[in-house]
C-alpha atoms as a PDB file:
ATOM      1  CA  MET A   1     -42.342 -71.610  18.633  1.00  0.00           C
ATOM      2  CA  ASN A   2     -39.308 -73.939  20.221  1.00  0.00           C
ATOM      3  CA  ASN A   3     -36.488 -72.000  18.409  1.00  0.00           C
ATOM      4  CA  ILE A   4     -37.308 -68.824  20.045  1.00  0.00           C
ATOM      5  CA  LYS A   5     -34.894 -68.081  22.713  1.00  0.00           C
ATOM      6  CA  TYR A   6     -35.835 -64.404  23.763  1.00  0.00           C
ATOM      7  CA  ILE A   7     -38.683 -62.025  23.860  1.00  0.00           C
ATOM      8  CA  LEU A   8     -37.577 -58.531  22.918  1.00  0.00           C
ATOM      9  CA  GLY A   9     -39.652 -55.749  23.920  1.00  0.00           C
ATOM     10  CA  SER A  10     -38.332 -52.671  22.375  1.00  0.00           C
ATOM     11  CA  PHE A  11     -39.345 -48.940  23.951  1.00  0.00           C
ATOM     12  CA  GLY A  12     -38.626 -45.644  22.932  1.00  0.00           C
ATOM     13  CA  ASP A  13     -38.684 -44.106  26.343  1.00  0.00           C
ATOM     14  CA  PRO A  14     -37.068 -44.837  29.518  1.00  0.00           C
ATOM     15  CA  ASP A  15     -40.157 -44.422  31.829  1.00  0.00           C
ATOM     16  CA  GLU A  16     -42.135 -46.581  29.410  1.00  0.00           C
ATOM     17  CA  MET A  17     -39.612 -49.241  29.776  1.00  0.00           C
ATOM     18  CA  MET A  18     -39.495 -49.134  33.563  1.00  0.00           C
ATOM     19  CA  HIS A  19     -43.348 -49.424  33.694  1.00  0.00           C
ATOM     20  CA  GLY A  20     -42.898 -52.523  31.496  1.00  0.00           C
ATOM     21  CA  ILE A  21     -40.347 -54.028  34.172  1.00  0.00           C
ATOM     22  CA  ASP A  22     -42.823 -53.258  36.767  1.00  0.00           C
ATOM     23  CA  LYS A  23     -45.865 -54.975  34.718  1.00  0.00           C
ATOM     24  CA  LEU A  24     -43.636 -58.044  33.827  1.00  0.00           C
ATOM     25  CA  GLN A  25     -42.273 -58.264  37.513  1.00  0.00           C
ATOM     26  CA  GLU A  26     -46.041 -58.328  39.010  1.00  0.00           C
ATOM     27  CA  ASN A  27     -46.942 -61.074  36.767  1.00  0.00           C
ATOM     28  CA  ASN A  28     -44.017 -63.201  38.018  1.00  0.00           C
ATOM     29  CA  ILE A  29     -42.134 -62.821  34.553  1.00  0.00           C
ATOM     30  CA  LYS A  30     -38.355 -63.342  34.899  1.00  0.00           C
ATOM     31  CA  ILE A  31     -36.536 -60.590  33.121  1.00  0.00           C
ATOM     32  CA  HIS A  32     -33.021 -61.724  31.347  1.00  0.00           C
ATOM     33  CA  ASP A  33     -31.630 -58.735  30.804  1.00  0.00           C
ATOM     34  CA  VAL A  34     -32.248 -54.921  29.900  1.00  0.00           C
ATOM     35  CA  TYR A  35     -30.312 -52.894  27.390  1.00  0.00           C
ATOM     36  CA  THR A  36     -30.300 -49.224  27.336  1.00  0.00           C
ATOM     37  CA  PRO A  37     -28.452 -46.338  25.333  1.00  0.00           C
ATOM     38  CA  MET A  38     -27.598 -44.376  28.539  1.00  0.00           C
ATOM     39  CA  PRO A  39     -27.300 -45.269  32.164  1.00  0.00           C
ATOM     40  CA  ILE A  40     -30.729 -45.099  34.063  1.00  0.00           C
ATOM     41  CA  HIS A  41     -31.021 -44.557  37.832  1.00  0.00           C
ATOM     42  CA  GLY A  42     -32.404 -47.148  39.729  1.00  0.00           C
ATOM     43  CA  ILE A  43     -32.858 -49.630  37.293  1.00  0.00           C
ATOM     44  CA  GLU A  44     -30.194 -52.053  38.905  1.00  0.00           C
ATOM     45  CA  ALA A  45     -32.180 -52.047  42.107  1.00  0.00           C
ATOM     46  CA  LYS A  46     -35.471 -52.742  40.139  1.00  0.00           C
ATOM     47  CA  LEU A  47     -33.748 -55.816  38.295  1.00  0.00           C
ATOM     48  CA  GLY A  48     -32.168 -57.118  41.458  1.00  0.00           C
ATOM     49  CA  VAL A  49     -28.374 -56.844  40.330  1.00  0.00           C
ATOM     50  CA  LYS A  50     -25.863 -57.358  42.922  1.00  0.00           C
ATOM     51  CA  ARG A  51     -23.338 -54.668  43.795  1.00  0.00           C
ATOM     52  CA  SER A  52     -19.935 -54.880  42.131  1.00  0.00           C
ATOM     53  CA  ARG A  53     -17.376 -56.651  44.074  1.00  0.00           C
ATOM     54  CA  LEU A  54     -14.576 -54.613  42.118  1.00  0.00           C
ATOM     55  CA  ASP A  55     -13.746 -52.525  45.083  1.00  0.00           C
ATOM     56  CA  ILE A  56     -12.477 -55.538  46.948  1.00  0.00           C
ATOM     57  CA  ALA A  57     -10.553 -56.549  44.395  1.00  0.00           C
ATOM     58  CA  ALA A  58      -8.972 -53.270  43.953  1.00  0.00           C
ATOM     59  CA  PHE A  59      -7.992 -53.504  47.734  1.00  0.00           C
ATOM     60  CA  PHE A  60      -6.333 -56.979  47.211  1.00  0.00           C
ATOM     61  CA  PHE A  61      -4.508 -55.524  43.913  1.00  0.00           C
ATOM     62  CA  GLY A  62      -3.323 -52.598  45.826  1.00  0.00           C
ATOM     63  CA  ILE A  63      -2.108 -54.696  48.953  1.00  0.00           C
ATOM     64  CA  THR A  64      -0.215 -56.812  46.179  1.00  0.00           C
ATOM     65  CA  GLY A  65       1.384 -54.000  44.615  1.00  0.00           C
ATOM     66  CA  THR A  66       2.558 -52.384  47.879  1.00  0.00           C
ATOM     67  CA  CYS A  67       3.949 -55.948  49.213  1.00  0.00           C
ATOM     68  CA  THR A  68       5.598 -56.474  45.924  1.00  0.00           C
ATOM     69  CA  MET A  69       7.462 -52.941  46.004  1.00  0.00           C
ATOM     70  CA  LEU A  70       8.264 -53.135  49.619  1.00  0.00           C
ATOM     71  CA  THR A  71       9.688 -56.723  49.233  1.00  0.00           C
ATOM     72  CA  PHE A  72      11.657 -55.648  46.173  1.00  0.00           C
ATOM     73  CA  VAL A  73      13.265 -52.524  47.953  1.00  0.00           C
ATOM     74  CA  TYR A  74      14.077 -54.663  51.029  1.00  0.00           C
ATOM     75  CA  LEU A  75      15.875 -57.501  48.938  1.00  0.00           C
ATOM     76  CA  ALA A  76      17.482 -54.718  46.726  1.00  0.00           C
ATOM     77  CA  ALA A  77      18.633 -52.041  49.241  1.00  0.00           C
ATOM     78  CA  ALA A  78      19.190 -54.155  52.391  1.00  0.00           C
ATOM     79  CA  TYR A  79      19.709 -57.698  51.581  1.00  0.00           C
ATOM     80  CA  ASP A  80      21.334 -57.873  48.256  1.00  0.00           C
ATOM     81  CA  TRP A  81      23.266 -54.483  48.053  1.00  0.00           C
ATOM     82  CA  PRO A  82      23.700 -52.857  51.540  1.00  0.00           C
ATOM     83  CA  ILE A  83      25.593 -49.511  51.209  1.00  0.00           C
ATOM     84  CA  ASN A  84      26.098 -47.208  54.405  1.00  0.00           C
ATOM     85  CA  ILE A  85      25.137 -43.857  53.060  1.00  0.00           C
ATOM     86  CA  GLY A  86      25.700 -41.291  55.641  1.00  0.00           C
ATOM     87  CA  GLY A  87      24.838 -43.437  58.710  1.00  0.00           C
ATOM     88  CA  LYS A  88      21.281 -44.185  57.418  1.00  0.00           C
ATOM     89  CA  PRO A  89      19.429 -47.650  57.882  1.00  0.00           C
ATOM     90  CA  HIS A  90      19.329 -49.878  54.883  1.00  0.00           C
ATOM     91  CA  PHE A  91      15.870 -49.905  54.573  1.00  0.00           C
ATOM     92  CA  ALA A  92      14.725 -46.371  55.202  1.00  0.00           C
ATOM     93  CA  LEU A  93      10.907 -46.655  54.477  1.00  0.00           C
ATOM     94  CA  PRO A  94      10.443 -42.810  54.102  1.00  0.00           C
ATOM     95  CA  ASP A  95      12.521 -42.892  51.218  1.00  0.00           C
ATOM     96  CA  PHE A  96      10.518 -45.447  49.472  1.00  0.00           C
ATOM     97  CA  ILE A  97       7.199 -44.346  50.081  1.00  0.00           C
ATOM     98  CA  PRO A  98       6.346 -42.455  46.763  1.00  0.00           C
ATOM     99  CA  ILE A  99       7.681 -45.299  44.636  1.00  0.00           C
ATOM    100  CA  THR A 100       5.525 -47.781  46.633  1.00  0.00           C
ATOM    101  CA  PHE A 101       2.640 -45.821  46.179  1.00  0.00           C
ATOM    102  CA  GLU A 102       3.146 -45.656  42.574  1.00  0.00           C
ATOM    103  CA  LEU A 103       3.342 -49.312  42.208  1.00  0.00           C
ATOM    104  CA  THR A 104       0.281 -49.841  44.477  1.00  0.00           C
ATOM    105  CA  ILE A 105      -1.588 -47.744  41.712  1.00  0.00           C
ATOM    106  CA  LEU A 106      -0.279 -49.579  38.774  1.00  0.00           C
ATOM    107  CA  PHE A 107      -1.266 -52.942  40.185  1.00  0.00           C
ATOM    108  CA  CYS A 108      -4.668 -51.675  40.970  1.00  0.00           C
ATOM    109  CA  ALA A 109      -4.995 -50.316  37.684  1.00  0.00           C
ATOM    110  CA  PHE A 110      -3.939 -53.122  35.763  1.00  0.00           C
ATOM    111  CA  GLY A 111      -5.639 -55.903  37.971  1.00  0.00           C
ATOM    112  CA  LEU A 112      -9.092 -53.661  37.712  1.00  0.00           C
ATOM    113  CA  VAL A 113      -8.815 -53.775  33.813  1.00  0.00           C
ATOM    114  CA  GLY A 114      -8.086 -57.438  33.810  1.00  0.00           C
ATOM    115  CA  SER A 115     -11.025 -58.080  36.163  1.00  0.00           C
ATOM    116  CA  TYR A 116     -13.556 -56.059  34.206  1.00  0.00           C
ATOM    117  CA  TYR A 117     -12.525 -57.728  30.690  1.00  0.00           C
ATOM    118  CA  ALA A 118     -12.777 -61.128  32.488  1.00  0.00           C
ATOM    119  CA  SER A 119     -16.091 -60.532  34.177  1.00  0.00           C
ATOM    120  CA  THR A 120     -17.847 -58.814  31.360  1.00  0.00           C
ATOM    121  CA  HIS A 121     -16.259 -60.862  28.597  1.00  0.00           C
ATOM    122  CA  LEU A 122     -15.081 -57.614  26.518  1.00  0.00           C
ATOM    123  CA  PHE A 123     -11.701 -58.889  25.755  1.00  0.00           C
ATOM    124  CA  PRO A 124      -9.944 -56.693  23.179  1.00  0.00           C
ATOM    125  CA  GLY A 125     -10.511 -57.585  19.564  1.00  0.00           C
ATOM    126  CA  ARG A 126     -13.610 -59.570  20.539  1.00  0.00           C
ATOM    127  CA  ALA A 127     -16.998 -58.683  18.469  1.00  0.00           C
ATOM    128  CA  PRO A 128     -19.358 -56.697  20.502  1.00  0.00           C
ATOM    129  CA  ARG A 129     -22.747 -58.699  20.675  1.00  0.00           C
ATOM    130  CA  VAL A 130     -25.934 -57.191  21.533  1.00  0.00           C
ATOM    131  CA  MET A 131     -29.554 -58.434  21.433  1.00  0.00           C
ATOM    132  CA  ASP A 132     -30.859 -55.510  19.233  1.00  0.00           C
ATOM    133  CA  LEU A 133     -28.503 -53.225  17.666  1.00  0.00           C
ATOM    134  CA  ARG A 134     -30.875 -50.253  18.175  1.00  0.00           C
ATOM    135  CA  ALA A 135     -30.295 -50.535  21.841  1.00  0.00           C
ATOM    136  CA  THR A 136     -26.924 -48.766  21.359  1.00  0.00           C
ATOM    137  CA  ASP A 137     -28.409 -45.821  19.594  1.00  0.00           C
ATOM    138  CA  ASP A 138     -32.206 -44.737  20.528  1.00  0.00           C
ATOM    139  CA  ARG A 139     -33.965 -47.753  21.894  1.00  0.00           C
ATOM    140  CA  PHE A 140     -34.617 -49.442  25.251  1.00  0.00           C
ATOM    141  CA  ILE A 141     -34.773 -53.296  25.395  1.00  0.00           C
ATOM    142  CA  ILE A 142     -36.367 -55.484  27.787  1.00  0.00           C
ATOM    143  CA  ALA A 143     -35.034 -59.298  26.985  1.00  0.00           C
ATOM    144  CA  ILE A 144     -37.036 -61.967  28.191  1.00  0.00           C
ATOM    145  CA  ASP A 145     -35.894 -65.649  28.233  1.00  0.00           C
ATOM    146  CA  ALA A 146     -38.383 -67.741  26.301  1.00  0.00           C
ATOM    147  CA  LYS A 147     -37.522 -70.981  27.712  1.00  0.00           C
ATOM    148  CA  GLU A 148     -38.191 -70.087  31.437  1.00  0.00           C
ATOM    149  CA  ASN A 149     -41.219 -68.028  30.348  1.00  0.00           C
ATOM    150  CA  THR A 150     -43.569 -70.359  28.330  1.00  0.00           C
ATOM    151  CA  ASP A 151     -46.780 -68.154  28.066  1.00  0.00           C
ATOM    152  CA  HIS A 152     -45.318 -66.053  25.164  1.00  0.00           C
ATOM    153  CA  ASN A 153     -48.814 -64.169  24.370  1.00  0.00           C
ATOM    154  CA  LYS A 154     -49.245 -63.063  27.758  1.00  0.00           C
ATOM    155  CA  ILE A 155     -45.581 -61.325  27.609  1.00  0.00           C
ATOM    156  CA  ASP A 156     -46.402 -59.967  24.134  1.00  0.00           C
ATOM    157  CA  ASP A 157     -49.528 -58.130  25.640  1.00  0.00           C
ATOM    158  CA  LEU A 158     -47.876 -56.920  28.752  1.00  0.00           C
ATOM    159  CA  LEU A 159     -45.275 -55.553  26.741  1.00  0.00           C
ATOM    160  CA  LYS A 160     -47.636 -53.915  24.461  1.00  0.00           C
ATOM    161  CA  GLU A 161     -49.521 -52.489  27.173  1.00  0.00           C
ATOM    162  CA  ALA A 162     -46.611 -51.020  28.838  1.00  0.00           C
ATOM    163  CA  GLY A 163     -45.821 -48.771  25.617  1.00  0.00           C
ATOM    164  CA  ALA A 164     -43.485 -51.197  23.817  1.00  0.00           C
ATOM    165  CA  LEU A 165     -43.171 -49.967  20.272  1.00  0.00           C
ATOM    166  CA  GLU A 166     -42.246 -53.482  18.893  1.00  0.00           C
ATOM    167  CA  VAL A 167     -42.229 -57.044  20.212  1.00  0.00           C
ATOM    168  CA  LYS A 168     -39.752 -59.443  18.744  1.00  0.00           C
ATOM    169  CA  HIS A 169     -38.970 -63.048  19.200  1.00  0.00           C
ATOM    170  CA  ASN A 170     -35.391 -63.502  18.731  1.00  0.00           C
ATOM    171  CA  GLU A 171     -34.053 -67.172  17.704  1.00  0.00           C
ATOM    172  CA  ARG A 172     -30.498 -66.478  18.212  1.00  0.00           C
ATOM    173  CA  LYS A 173     -28.947 -65.288  21.626  1.00  0.00           C
ATOM    174  CA  TYR A 174     -27.187 -62.181  20.098  1.00  0.00           C
ATOM    175  CA  ILE A 175     -26.597 -60.472  16.803  1.00  0.00           C
ATOM    176  CA  SER A 176     -22.993 -59.830  15.904  1.00  0.00           C
ATOM    177  CA  TYR A 177     -21.996 -56.447  14.141  1.00  0.00           C
ATOM    178  CA  GLU A 178     -20.215 -58.298  11.734  1.00  0.00           C
END
């Protein structure tokens, strides 16, 4: 019993899984995570998942792109090679708006992809790890940390009452596809 890291409740229906979450929370049992084959509306609020801060990161990546482009254009057009063309100013901002916008979007896109990979540990080439392989197909999995919640029989009973098709005691954190 000491080797058990997670208790996994496997459900065939999302409504039964949501009922299982309610039952566990009513009994003050902390849920480690929930794995589903499709998005389920309202599950983030029920589990207390914090709002993502990627929008703030996007703003700062965009500002970085804008400042980088405007600095480059100023240095190239007004500082290093000032050329008088038809009496126009060396740093004519309206001329550089399209390319500045494009670099803003480029920095934002690359920055967000990098931030997403860093925050979720989904780096390219890394083998995906899941608690139960059926969670990517047709099962809804509730994972409970067995070390934090010591009354395993109570958890098993609550999951079965909620409609769990199967309750497993997992000794490893993840199952690898390899």
